[in-house]
Amino acid sequence: MSSFLLFIEKIFAYAILSFLRITLRFQVSGLVKPYPKCIFVFWHRNIISLLINRRNENIVIIISSSRDGDYIAEPAKLFGYITVRGSSTRQGGTALKEMIKLSKKHSLALTPDGPKGPAQKLKDGALLLAYLTKLPIYAIKVHASKAWVFNSWDRFVLPKPFAKVSIQYSEPFYINSKEEFESIRTEIENWMNY
């Protein structure tokens, strides 16, 4: 994508999502501000709801370095996020190092089933990041009362205007050793999927 087309897409997406945000009614539970530095995890399908709800908090988000990732990364910057490009399949090691560095001053957010699935399955990246940074993980559930659900691998959700969007945060999960990965993975997946 040319720089000019990317610029147009960024402005257009920001304008549309900003308008959508004005119409939505958010109901948030389970997290009290000010919250500690942490790692937020949520399924890939819920990117839009959380992107517009948590704007201007300087949260660091990891976004695929693919061309498709450009469509999210550029508007995300306008919403006040710090973006790191990479994924489990592309530039993952570099992105992990950058996230660890930024975690000294910022909270982090990632979709542990991205960029291409399997959907709603927690990959190792979030667990490893929590172990290395010693930051707690807060899992997030999202439900929109009215939404378009796309026929994509993740069943991507775009809330419809004037929908009620419920956002629920878990209690913190702490990882003190690699031996805890599997048990905590199961706990987080069970909480996010039910």
N, C-alpha and C. Protein backbone atom coordinates (compact mmCIF):
# COMPACT_ATOMS: atom_id res chain seq x y z
N MET A 1 0.85 -1.18 0.00
CA MET A 1 0.00 0.00 0.00
C MET A 1 0.89 1.24 0.00
N SER A 2 0.58 2.19 -0.88
CA SER A 2 1.38 3.40 -0.95
C SER A 2 1.18 4.24 0.31
N SER A 3 2.15 5.11 0.58
CA SER A 3 2.06 5.97 1.77
C SER A 3 0.82 6.85 1.72
N PHE A 4 0.47 7.33 0.52
CA PHE A 4 -0.69 8.21 0.40
C PHE A 4 -1.98 7.45 0.72
N LEU A 5 -2.13 6.23 0.16
CA LEU A 5 -3.34 5.45 0.41
C LEU A 5 -3.43 5.05 1.88
N LEU A 6 -2.30 4.74 2.48
CA LEU A 6 -2.28 4.39 3.89
C LEU A 6 -2.71 5.58 4.75
N PHE A 7 -2.28 6.76 4.37
CA PHE A 7 -2.67 7.98 5.09
C PHE A 7 -4.17 8.20 4.99
N ILE A 8 -4.73 8.04 3.79
CA ILE A 8 -6.17 8.22 3.59
C ILE A 8 -6.94 7.19 4.41
N GLU A 9 -6.49 5.94 4.38
CA GLU A 9 -7.16 4.88 5.14
C GLU A 9 -7.12 5.18 6.63
N LYS A 10 -5.97 5.67 7.10
CA LYS A 10 -5.81 5.97 8.53
C LYS A 10 -6.81 7.04 8.97
N ILE A 11 -6.91 8.11 8.21
CA ILE A 11 -7.82 9.21 8.56
C ILE A 11 -9.27 8.76 8.48
N PHE A 12 -9.60 8.02 7.42
CA PHE A 12 -10.98 7.55 7.23
C PHE A 12 -11.38 6.60 8.36
N ALA A 13 -10.51 5.63 8.67
CA ALA A 13 -10.82 4.67 9.73
C ALA A 13 -10.95 5.37 11.07
N TYR A 14 -10.09 6.32 11.35
CA TYR A 14 -10.15 7.05 12.62
C TYR A 14 -11.47 7.81 12.74
N ALA A 15 -11.89 8.45 11.64
CA ALA A 15 -13.13 9.22 11.66
C ALA A 15 -14.35 8.31 11.89
N ILE A 16 -14.38 7.19 11.18
CA ILE A 16 -15.51 6.25 11.31
C ILE A 16 -15.56 5.66 12.72
N LEU A 17 -14.41 5.24 13.23
CA LEU A 17 -14.38 4.63 14.56
C LEU A 17 -14.67 5.65 15.66
N SER A 18 -14.25 6.88 15.46
CA SER A 18 -14.54 7.93 16.44
C SER A 18 -16.05 8.19 16.50
N PHE A 19 -16.68 8.22 15.34
CA PHE A 19 -18.14 8.38 15.30
C PHE A 19 -18.82 7.20 15.97
N LEU A 20 -18.36 5.99 15.66
CA LEU A 20 -18.96 4.79 16.26
C LEU A 20 -18.84 4.85 17.78
N ARG A 21 -17.69 5.27 18.28
CA ARG A 21 -17.45 5.33 19.73
C ARG A 21 -18.48 6.24 20.42
N ILE A 22 -18.82 7.36 19.78
CA ILE A 22 -19.79 8.30 20.36
C ILE A 22 -21.15 7.63 20.55
N THR A 23 -21.50 6.73 19.64
CA THR A 23 -22.83 6.11 19.69
C THR A 23 -22.93 4.94 20.65
N LEU A 24 -21.81 4.33 21.00
CA LEU A 24 -21.83 3.11 21.81
C LEU A 24 -22.00 3.42 23.29
N ARG A 25 -22.64 2.50 24.01
CA ARG A 25 -22.77 2.60 25.45
C ARG A 25 -21.90 1.51 26.07
N PHE A 26 -20.80 1.92 26.71
CA PHE A 26 -19.87 0.96 27.30
C PHE A 26 -20.24 0.69 28.76
N GLN A 27 -20.22 -0.55 29.14
CA GLN A 27 -20.40 -0.95 30.53
C GLN A 27 -19.17 -1.76 30.92
N VAL A 28 -18.34 -1.20 31.78
CA VAL A 28 -17.05 -1.81 32.13
C VAL A 28 -17.10 -2.29 33.57
N SER A 29 -16.61 -3.51 33.80
CA SER A 29 -16.59 -4.05 35.16
C SER A 29 -15.29 -4.81 35.41
N GLY A 30 -14.89 -4.84 36.67
CA GLY A 30 -13.77 -5.68 37.08
C GLY A 30 -12.41 -5.03 37.10
N LEU A 31 -12.30 -3.76 36.72
CA LEU A 31 -11.00 -3.09 36.75
C LEU A 31 -11.18 -1.69 37.29
N VAL A 32 -10.44 -1.37 38.31
CA VAL A 32 -10.56 -0.06 38.95
C VAL A 32 -9.32 0.77 38.64
N LYS A 33 -9.55 2.01 38.22
CA LYS A 33 -8.43 2.92 37.98
C LYS A 33 -8.07 3.61 39.29
N PRO A 34 -6.79 3.94 39.50
CA PRO A 34 -5.68 3.63 38.61
C PRO A 34 -5.26 2.17 38.77
N TYR A 35 -5.08 1.49 37.66
CA TYR A 35 -4.67 0.09 37.70
C TYR A 35 -3.15 0.01 37.56
N PRO A 36 -2.54 -1.07 38.03
CA PRO A 36 -1.09 -1.20 37.93
C PRO A 36 -0.66 -1.47 36.50
N LYS A 37 0.62 -1.29 36.21
CA LYS A 37 1.13 -1.72 34.91
C LYS A 37 0.82 -3.19 34.76
N CYS A 38 0.38 -3.58 33.59
CA CYS A 38 -0.07 -4.95 33.41
C CYS A 38 -0.05 -5.32 31.93
N ILE A 39 -0.48 -6.56 31.68
CA ILE A 39 -0.64 -7.06 30.31
C ILE A 39 -2.11 -7.40 30.11
N PHE A 40 -2.75 -6.73 29.16
CA PHE A 40 -4.14 -7.02 28.82
C PHE A 40 -4.15 -8.04 27.69
N VAL A 41 -4.97 -9.08 27.81
CA VAL A 41 -5.14 -10.05 26.72
C VAL A 41 -6.62 -10.16 26.38
N PHE A 42 -6.90 -10.25 25.09
CA PHE A 42 -8.28 -10.34 24.60
C PHE A 42 -8.24 -11.01 23.24
N TRP A 43 -9.34 -11.63 22.86
CA TRP A 43 -9.37 -12.34 21.58
C TRP A 43 -9.34 -11.36 20.41
N HIS A 44 -8.73 -11.81 19.34
CA HIS A 44 -8.52 -11.00 18.14
C HIS A 44 -9.83 -10.41 17.62
N ARG A 45 -10.91 -11.14 17.78
CA ARG A 45 -12.21 -10.72 17.25
C ARG A 45 -12.73 -9.43 17.90
N ASN A 46 -12.20 -9.09 19.08
CA ASN A 46 -12.70 -7.94 19.83
C ASN A 46 -11.82 -6.70 19.75
N ILE A 47 -10.93 -6.64 18.79
CA ILE A 47 -9.98 -5.52 18.69
C ILE A 47 -10.70 -4.17 18.63
N ILE A 48 -11.71 -4.05 17.81
CA ILE A 48 -12.33 -2.74 17.57
C ILE A 48 -12.95 -2.17 18.84
N SER A 49 -13.72 -2.97 19.56
CA SER A 49 -14.37 -2.47 20.78
C SER A 49 -13.36 -1.94 21.78
N LEU A 50 -12.28 -2.68 21.97
CA LEU A 50 -11.29 -2.28 22.96
C LEU A 50 -10.40 -1.14 22.46
N LEU A 51 -10.14 -1.12 21.17
CA LEU A 51 -9.34 -0.04 20.59
C LEU A 51 -9.98 1.32 20.86
N ILE A 52 -11.28 1.40 20.67
CA ILE A 52 -11.93 2.70 20.84
C ILE A 52 -12.31 2.98 22.30
N ASN A 53 -12.41 1.94 23.11
CA ASN A 53 -12.76 2.17 24.52
C ASN A 53 -11.57 2.65 25.34
N ARG A 54 -10.37 2.14 25.09
CA ARG A 54 -9.21 2.43 25.93
C ARG A 54 -8.26 3.42 25.29
N ARG A 55 -8.76 4.36 24.52
CA ARG A 55 -7.91 5.29 23.78
C ARG A 55 -7.18 6.26 24.72
N ASN A 56 -6.08 6.81 24.21
CA ASN A 56 -5.29 7.84 24.88
C ASN A 56 -4.78 7.44 26.26
N GLU A 57 -4.41 6.17 26.41
CA GLU A 57 -3.83 5.70 27.67
C GLU A 57 -2.37 5.26 27.49
N ASN A 58 -1.82 5.47 26.30
CA ASN A 58 -0.44 5.10 26.01
C ASN A 58 -0.16 3.62 26.27
N ILE A 59 -1.13 2.80 25.99
CA ILE A 59 -0.95 1.35 26.09
C ILE A 59 -0.17 0.88 24.86
N VAL A 60 0.75 -0.05 25.08
CA VAL A 60 1.53 -0.61 23.99
C VAL A 60 0.79 -1.81 23.43
N ILE A 61 0.54 -1.82 22.13
CA ILE A 61 -0.13 -2.96 21.51
C ILE A 61 0.77 -3.56 20.43
N ILE A 62 0.75 -4.88 20.35
CA ILE A 62 1.50 -5.56 19.30
C ILE A 62 0.55 -5.88 18.16
N ILE A 63 0.97 -5.52 16.95
CA ILE A 63 0.14 -5.69 15.76
C ILE A 63 0.97 -6.38 14.69
N SER A 64 0.36 -7.28 13.98
CA SER A 64 1.06 -8.03 12.94
C SER A 64 1.82 -7.10 12.00
N SER A 65 3.01 -7.54 11.60
CA SER A 65 3.81 -6.74 10.67
C SER A 65 3.39 -6.95 9.22
N SER A 66 2.32 -7.70 9.01
CA SER A 66 1.80 -7.92 7.65
C SER A 66 1.12 -6.65 7.13
N ARG A 67 0.81 -6.66 5.86
CA ARG A 67 0.10 -5.52 5.26
C ARG A 67 -1.27 -5.33 5.90
N ASP A 68 -1.93 -6.43 6.24
CA ASP A 68 -3.23 -6.33 6.90
C ASP A 68 -3.10 -5.60 8.24
N GLY A 69 -1.97 -5.79 8.91
CA GLY A 69 -1.74 -5.13 10.18
C GLY A 69 -1.70 -3.62 10.07
N ASP A 70 -1.31 -3.12 8.87
CA ASP A 70 -1.27 -1.67 8.66
C ASP A 70 -2.64 -1.04 8.88
N TYR A 71 -3.70 -1.77 8.52
CA TYR A 71 -5.05 -1.23 8.63
C TYR A 71 -5.45 -0.96 10.09
N ILE A 72 -4.85 -1.70 11.02
CA ILE A 72 -5.12 -1.48 12.44
C ILE A 72 -4.09 -0.55 13.06
N ALA A 73 -2.82 -0.75 12.69
CA ALA A 73 -1.72 -0.01 13.35
C ALA A 73 -1.83 1.50 13.16
N GLU A 74 -2.14 1.94 11.97
CA GLU A 74 -2.16 3.38 11.71
C GLU A 74 -3.29 4.10 12.45
N PRO A 75 -4.53 3.62 12.38
CA PRO A 75 -5.57 4.27 13.20
C PRO A 75 -5.29 4.15 14.70
N ALA A 76 -4.68 3.04 15.13
CA ALA A 76 -4.38 2.85 16.55
C ALA A 76 -3.49 3.96 17.08
N LYS A 77 -2.54 4.40 16.28
CA LYS A 77 -1.65 5.49 16.70
C LYS A 77 -2.46 6.76 16.95
N LEU A 78 -3.46 7.02 16.11
CA LEU A 78 -4.28 8.21 16.29
C LEU A 78 -5.15 8.11 17.55
N PHE A 79 -5.44 6.90 17.97
CA PHE A 79 -6.19 6.71 19.21
C PHE A 79 -5.29 6.71 20.44
N GLY A 80 -4.02 7.01 20.26
CA GLY A 80 -3.13 7.18 21.41
C GLY A 80 -2.41 5.94 21.87
N TYR A 81 -2.33 4.92 21.02
CA TYR A 81 -1.61 3.70 21.37
C TYR A 81 -0.18 3.76 20.85
N ILE A 82 0.70 3.05 21.53
CA ILE A 82 2.06 2.85 21.06
C ILE A 82 2.08 1.49 20.38
N THR A 83 2.51 1.42 19.12
CA THR A 83 2.44 0.17 18.38
C THR A 83 3.81 -0.47 18.22
N VAL A 84 3.81 -1.79 18.37
CA VAL A 84 4.99 -2.62 18.09
C VAL A 84 4.56 -3.61 17.02
N ARG A 85 5.34 -3.73 15.96
CA ARG A 85 4.95 -4.59 14.85
C ARG A 85 5.65 -5.95 14.95
N GLY A 86 4.87 -7.00 14.84
CA GLY A 86 5.41 -8.35 14.88
C GLY A 86 4.32 -9.31 15.30
N SER A 87 4.61 -10.60 15.22
CA SER A 87 3.64 -11.63 15.60
C SER A 87 4.40 -12.93 15.86
N SER A 88 3.65 -13.97 16.15
CA SER A 88 4.28 -15.27 16.40
C SER A 88 4.91 -15.83 15.13
N THR A 89 4.50 -15.33 13.97
CA THR A 89 5.03 -15.86 12.71
C THR A 89 5.98 -14.91 12.00
N ARG A 90 5.99 -13.63 12.37
CA ARG A 90 6.84 -12.66 11.70
C ARG A 90 7.46 -11.70 12.71
N GLN A 91 8.77 -11.65 12.76
CA GLN A 91 9.51 -10.72 13.61
C GLN A 91 9.11 -10.84 15.09
N GLY A 92 8.78 -12.06 15.51
CA GLY A 92 8.30 -12.26 16.87
C GLY A 92 9.34 -11.95 17.93
N GLY A 93 10.59 -12.37 17.70
CA GLY A 93 11.64 -12.13 18.68
C GLY A 93 11.94 -10.66 18.87
N THR A 94 11.98 -9.93 17.78
CA THR A 94 12.23 -8.49 17.85
C THR A 94 11.10 -7.78 18.58
N ALA A 95 9.87 -8.17 18.27
CA ALA A 95 8.70 -7.55 18.92
C ALA A 95 8.70 -7.85 20.42
N LEU A 96 9.05 -9.08 20.79
CA LEU A 96 9.08 -9.45 22.21
C LEU A 96 10.08 -8.57 22.97
N LYS A 97 11.26 -8.40 22.41
CA LYS A 97 12.27 -7.56 23.06
C LYS A 97 11.79 -6.12 23.22
N GLU A 98 11.11 -5.61 22.19
CA GLU A 98 10.61 -4.23 22.25
C GLU A 98 9.51 -4.10 23.30
N MET A 99 8.64 -5.10 23.39
CA MET A 99 7.57 -5.08 24.39
C MET A 99 8.15 -5.11 25.81
N ILE A 100 9.16 -5.92 26.02
CA ILE A 100 9.79 -5.99 27.34
C ILE A 100 10.40 -4.64 27.70
N LYS A 101 11.05 -4.01 26.76
CA LYS A 101 11.65 -2.70 27.00
C LYS A 101 10.58 -1.66 27.35
N LEU A 102 9.50 -1.64 26.60
CA LEU A 102 8.44 -0.66 26.81
C LEU A 102 7.64 -0.93 28.08
N SER A 103 7.66 -2.18 28.55
CA SER A 103 6.89 -2.54 29.75
C SER A 103 7.40 -1.85 31.00
N LYS A 104 8.59 -1.28 30.95
CA LYS A 104 9.12 -0.58 32.11
C LYS A 104 8.33 0.70 32.41
N LYS A 105 7.64 1.23 31.38
CA LYS A 105 6.89 2.47 31.57
C LYS A 105 5.41 2.38 31.19
N HIS A 106 5.04 1.32 30.48
CA HIS A 106 3.68 1.25 29.93
C HIS A 106 3.04 -0.11 30.18
N SER A 107 1.71 -0.13 30.20
CA SER A 107 0.98 -1.40 30.14
C SER A 107 1.00 -1.90 28.71
N LEU A 108 0.81 -3.21 28.55
CA LEU A 108 0.87 -3.86 27.24
C LEU A 108 -0.48 -4.50 26.93
N ALA A 109 -0.74 -4.69 25.65
CA ALA A 109 -1.96 -5.39 25.25
C ALA A 109 -1.68 -6.24 24.02
N LEU A 110 -2.26 -7.43 23.99
CA LEU A 110 -2.08 -8.28 22.81
C LEU A 110 -3.23 -9.27 22.68
N THR A 111 -3.36 -9.77 21.46
CA THR A 111 -4.37 -10.77 21.15
C THR A 111 -3.65 -12.12 21.07
N PRO A 112 -3.78 -12.95 22.09
CA PRO A 112 -2.98 -14.17 22.15
C PRO A 112 -3.40 -15.27 21.19
N ASP A 113 -4.48 -15.04 20.42
CA ASP A 113 -4.84 -16.01 19.38
C ASP A 113 -4.53 -15.47 17.98
N GLY A 114 -3.95 -14.26 17.90
CA GLY A 114 -3.61 -13.69 16.60
C GLY A 114 -2.23 -14.11 16.15
N PRO A 115 -1.84 -13.80 14.89
CA PRO A 115 -2.66 -13.07 13.92
C PRO A 115 -3.60 -13.95 13.10
N LYS A 116 -3.44 -15.29 13.17
CA LYS A 116 -4.26 -16.12 12.29
C LYS A 116 -4.84 -17.35 12.97
N GLY A 117 -4.86 -17.35 14.29
CA GLY A 117 -5.50 -18.44 14.99
C GLY A 117 -4.53 -19.52 15.46
N PRO A 118 -5.09 -20.60 15.99
CA PRO A 118 -6.53 -20.90 16.08
C PRO A 118 -7.27 -19.94 17.01
N ALA A 119 -8.51 -19.66 16.65
CA ALA A 119 -9.30 -18.68 17.39
C ALA A 119 -9.54 -19.13 18.82
N GLN A 120 -9.45 -18.14 19.73
CA GLN A 120 -9.76 -18.32 21.14
C GLN A 120 -8.92 -19.41 21.81
N LYS A 121 -7.67 -19.52 21.34
CA LYS A 121 -6.68 -20.39 21.96
C LYS A 121 -5.47 -19.54 22.33
N LEU A 122 -5.05 -19.61 23.58
CA LEU A 122 -3.98 -18.77 24.10
C LEU A 122 -2.62 -19.34 23.72
N LYS A 123 -1.90 -18.59 22.88
CA LYS A 123 -0.54 -19.00 22.52
C LYS A 123 0.44 -18.59 23.62
N ASP A 124 1.68 -19.02 23.47
CA ASP A 124 2.69 -18.82 24.52
C ASP A 124 3.12 -17.37 24.70
N GLY A 125 2.96 -16.51 23.69
CA GLY A 125 3.52 -15.17 23.73
C GLY A 125 3.13 -14.36 24.96
N ALA A 126 1.85 -14.36 25.29
CA ALA A 126 1.38 -13.58 26.44
C ALA A 126 1.93 -14.14 27.75
N LEU A 127 1.99 -15.46 27.84
CA LEU A 127 2.50 -16.11 29.04
C LEU A 127 3.99 -15.83 29.23
N LEU A 128 4.73 -15.92 28.13
CA LEU A 128 6.16 -15.65 28.20
C LEU A 128 6.42 -14.20 28.56
N LEU A 129 5.65 -13.30 28.00
CA LEU A 129 5.79 -11.88 28.29
C LEU A 129 5.52 -11.59 29.78
N ALA A 130 4.49 -12.23 30.32
CA ALA A 130 4.17 -12.04 31.74
C ALA A 130 5.28 -12.60 32.62
N TYR A 131 5.82 -13.73 32.23
CA TYR A 131 6.90 -14.35 33.00
C TYR A 131 8.16 -13.48 32.99
N LEU A 132 8.51 -12.94 31.83
CA LEU A 132 9.74 -12.16 31.70
C LEU A 132 9.63 -10.77 32.31
N THR A 133 8.44 -10.16 32.22
CA THR A 133 8.27 -8.79 32.75
C THR A 133 7.81 -8.77 34.20
N LYS A 134 7.29 -9.91 34.69
CA LYS A 134 6.71 -10.01 36.03
C LYS A 134 5.46 -9.14 36.19
N LEU A 135 4.81 -8.81 35.08
CA LEU A 135 3.57 -8.04 35.12
C LEU A 135 2.38 -8.99 35.18
N PRO A 136 1.31 -8.60 35.88
CA PRO A 136 0.11 -9.44 35.91
C PRO A 136 -0.63 -9.39 34.57
N ILE A 137 -1.30 -10.47 34.27
CA ILE A 137 -2.17 -10.53 33.10
C ILE A 137 -3.61 -10.25 33.55
N TYR A 138 -4.27 -9.34 32.84
CA TYR A 138 -5.71 -9.14 33.00
C TYR A 138 -6.38 -9.59 31.70
N ALA A 139 -7.19 -10.63 31.78
CA ALA A 139 -7.94 -11.09 30.61
C ALA A 139 -9.21 -10.26 30.47
N ILE A 140 -9.68 -10.13 29.23
CA ILE A 140 -10.84 -9.28 28.96
C ILE A 140 -11.87 -10.04 28.13
N LYS A 141 -13.12 -9.94 28.55
CA LYS A 141 -14.26 -10.46 27.78
C LYS A 141 -15.06 -9.29 27.23
N VAL A 142 -15.54 -9.43 26.01
CA VAL A 142 -16.31 -8.36 25.38
C VAL A 142 -17.59 -8.95 24.78
N HIS A 143 -18.70 -8.24 24.99
CA HIS A 143 -19.96 -8.63 24.35
C HIS A 143 -20.69 -7.39 23.88
N ALA A 144 -21.06 -7.37 22.60
CA ALA A 144 -21.85 -6.27 22.04
C ALA A 144 -23.28 -6.74 21.83
N SER A 145 -24.24 -5.92 22.26
CA SER A 145 -25.64 -6.31 22.14
C SER A 145 -26.09 -6.42 20.68
N LYS A 146 -25.48 -5.61 19.82
CA LYS A 146 -25.76 -5.66 18.38
C LYS A 146 -24.43 -5.51 17.65
N ALA A 147 -24.16 -6.40 16.70
CA ALA A 147 -22.87 -6.34 16.02
C ALA A 147 -22.93 -7.05 14.68
N TRP A 148 -22.03 -6.64 13.79
CA TRP A 148 -21.77 -7.40 12.59
C TRP A 148 -20.67 -8.40 12.92
N VAL A 149 -20.89 -9.67 12.59
CA VAL A 149 -19.88 -10.70 12.81
C VAL A 149 -19.42 -11.20 11.45
N PHE A 150 -18.14 -11.03 11.17
CA PHE A 150 -17.61 -11.34 9.86
C PHE A 150 -17.28 -12.83 9.73
N ASN A 151 -17.32 -13.31 8.50
CA ASN A 151 -17.02 -14.71 8.22
C ASN A 151 -15.51 -14.88 8.04
N SER A 152 -14.76 -14.60 9.10
CA SER A 152 -13.31 -14.69 9.08
C SER A 152 -12.87 -15.76 10.08
N TRP A 153 -11.58 -16.06 10.11
CA TRP A 153 -11.10 -17.13 10.99
C TRP A 153 -11.43 -16.86 12.46
N ASP A 154 -11.48 -15.57 12.85
CA ASP A 154 -11.72 -15.22 14.25
C ASP A 154 -13.15 -14.81 14.54
N ARG A 155 -14.01 -14.80 13.51
CA ARG A 155 -15.38 -14.29 13.65
C ARG A 155 -15.35 -12.86 14.17
N PHE A 156 -14.62 -12.02 13.44
CA PHE A 156 -14.36 -10.63 13.80
C PHE A 156 -15.67 -9.87 14.07
N VAL A 157 -15.67 -9.09 15.16
CA VAL A 157 -16.88 -8.40 15.62
C VAL A 157 -16.74 -6.89 15.44
N LEU A 158 -17.71 -6.30 14.77
CA LEU A 158 -17.80 -4.85 14.67
C LEU A 158 -19.13 -4.42 15.28
N PRO A 159 -19.10 -3.76 16.45
CA PRO A 159 -20.36 -3.35 17.08
C PRO A 159 -21.15 -2.42 16.16
N LYS A 160 -22.47 -2.57 16.18
CA LYS A 160 -23.32 -1.68 15.41
C LYS A 160 -23.54 -0.39 16.19
N PRO A 161 -23.77 0.72 15.50
CA PRO A 161 -24.04 1.97 16.20
C PRO A 161 -25.17 1.80 17.22
N PHE A 162 -24.98 2.43 18.37
CA PHE A 162 -25.95 2.46 19.47
C PHE A 162 -26.06 1.13 20.23
N ALA A 163 -25.11 0.23 19.97
CA ALA A 163 -25.07 -1.02 20.73
C ALA A 163 -24.57 -0.77 22.15
N LYS A 164 -24.93 -1.67 23.05
CA LYS A 164 -24.36 -1.68 24.39
C LYS A 164 -23.19 -2.67 24.38
N VAL A 165 -22.01 -2.21 24.79
CA VAL A 165 -20.82 -3.05 24.77
C VAL A 165 -20.38 -3.31 26.21
N SER A 166 -20.45 -4.57 26.61
CA SER A 166 -20.04 -4.98 27.95
C SER A 166 -18.58 -5.43 27.90
N ILE A 167 -17.76 -4.84 28.77
CA ILE A 167 -16.34 -5.19 28.85
C ILE A 167 -16.06 -5.62 30.28
N GLN A 168 -15.60 -6.85 30.43
CA GLN A 168 -15.34 -7.40 31.77
C GLN A 168 -13.88 -7.80 31.89
N TYR A 169 -13.25 -7.37 32.99
CA TYR A 169 -11.85 -7.69 33.26
C TYR A 169 -11.76 -8.76 34.34
N SER A 170 -10.81 -9.67 34.16
CA SER A 170 -10.59 -10.73 35.14
C SER A 170 -9.81 -10.21 36.33
N GLU A 171 -9.69 -11.04 37.33
CA GLU A 171 -8.71 -10.82 38.39
C GLU A 171 -7.32 -11.01 37.77
N PRO A 172 -6.27 -10.47 38.37
CA PRO A 172 -4.94 -10.62 37.78
C PRO A 172 -4.41 -12.05 37.87
N PHE A 173 -3.71 -12.46 36.82
CA PHE A 173 -3.00 -13.73 36.80
C PHE A 173 -1.51 -13.44 36.84
N TYR A 174 -0.80 -14.04 37.77
CA TYR A 174 0.65 -13.86 37.88
C TYR A 174 1.36 -15.15 37.49
N ILE A 175 2.45 -15.02 36.76
CA ILE A 175 3.23 -16.19 36.36
C ILE A 175 4.63 -16.07 36.96
N ASN A 176 4.95 -17.00 37.82
CA ASN A 176 6.25 -16.97 38.50
C ASN A 176 7.24 -17.98 37.96
N SER A 177 6.75 -18.95 37.20
CA SER A 177 7.66 -19.94 36.62
C SER A 177 7.05 -20.49 35.33
N LYS A 178 7.91 -21.03 34.46
CA LYS A 178 7.43 -21.60 33.19
C LYS A 178 6.58 -22.84 33.43
N GLU A 179 6.78 -23.47 34.57
CA GLU A 179 5.98 -24.65 34.88
C GLU A 179 4.50 -24.32 35.07
N GLU A 180 4.20 -23.05 35.29
CA GLU A 180 2.80 -22.62 35.49
C GLU A 180 2.08 -22.31 34.19
N PHE A 181 2.81 -22.30 33.07
CA PHE A 181 2.21 -21.88 31.80
C PHE A 181 0.92 -22.64 31.49
N GLU A 182 0.96 -23.96 31.56
CA GLU A 182 -0.19 -24.75 31.12
C GLU A 182 -1.39 -24.55 32.02
N SER A 183 -1.18 -24.51 33.32
CA SER A 183 -2.32 -24.36 34.23
C SER A 183 -2.93 -22.97 34.09
N ILE A 184 -2.09 -21.94 33.95
CA ILE A 184 -2.62 -20.58 33.81
C ILE A 184 -3.25 -20.39 32.44
N ARG A 185 -2.68 -21.01 31.41
CA ARG A 185 -3.30 -20.96 30.07
C ARG A 185 -4.73 -21.49 30.15
N THR A 186 -4.90 -22.62 30.80
CA THR A 186 -6.23 -23.22 30.93
C THR A 186 -7.17 -22.31 31.71
N GLU A 187 -6.69 -21.73 32.80
CA GLU A 187 -7.53 -20.82 33.60
C GLU A 187 -7.98 -19.62 32.78
N ILE A 188 -7.04 -19.01 32.04
CA ILE A 188 -7.38 -17.82 31.27
C ILE A 188 -8.34 -18.17 30.13
N GLU A 189 -8.07 -19.25 29.41
CA GLU A 189 -8.96 -19.65 28.31
C GLU A 189 -10.37 -19.95 28.84
N ASN A 190 -10.45 -20.66 29.96
CA ASN A 190 -11.76 -20.98 30.52
C ASN A 190 -12.51 -19.70 30.91
N TRP A 191 -11.79 -18.75 31.49
CA TRP A 191 -12.44 -17.50 31.91
C TRP A 191 -12.89 -16.69 30.69
N MET A 192 -12.07 -16.61 29.66
CA MET A 192 -12.40 -15.80 28.49
C MET A 192 -13.49 -16.41 27.62
N ASN A 193 -13.61 -17.72 27.64
CA ASN A 193 -14.53 -18.40 26.73
C ASN A 193 -15.88 -18.74 27.35
N TYR A 194 -16.06 -18.44 28.65
CA TYR A 194 -17.34 -18.79 29.28
C TYR A 194 -17.92 -17.62 30.04
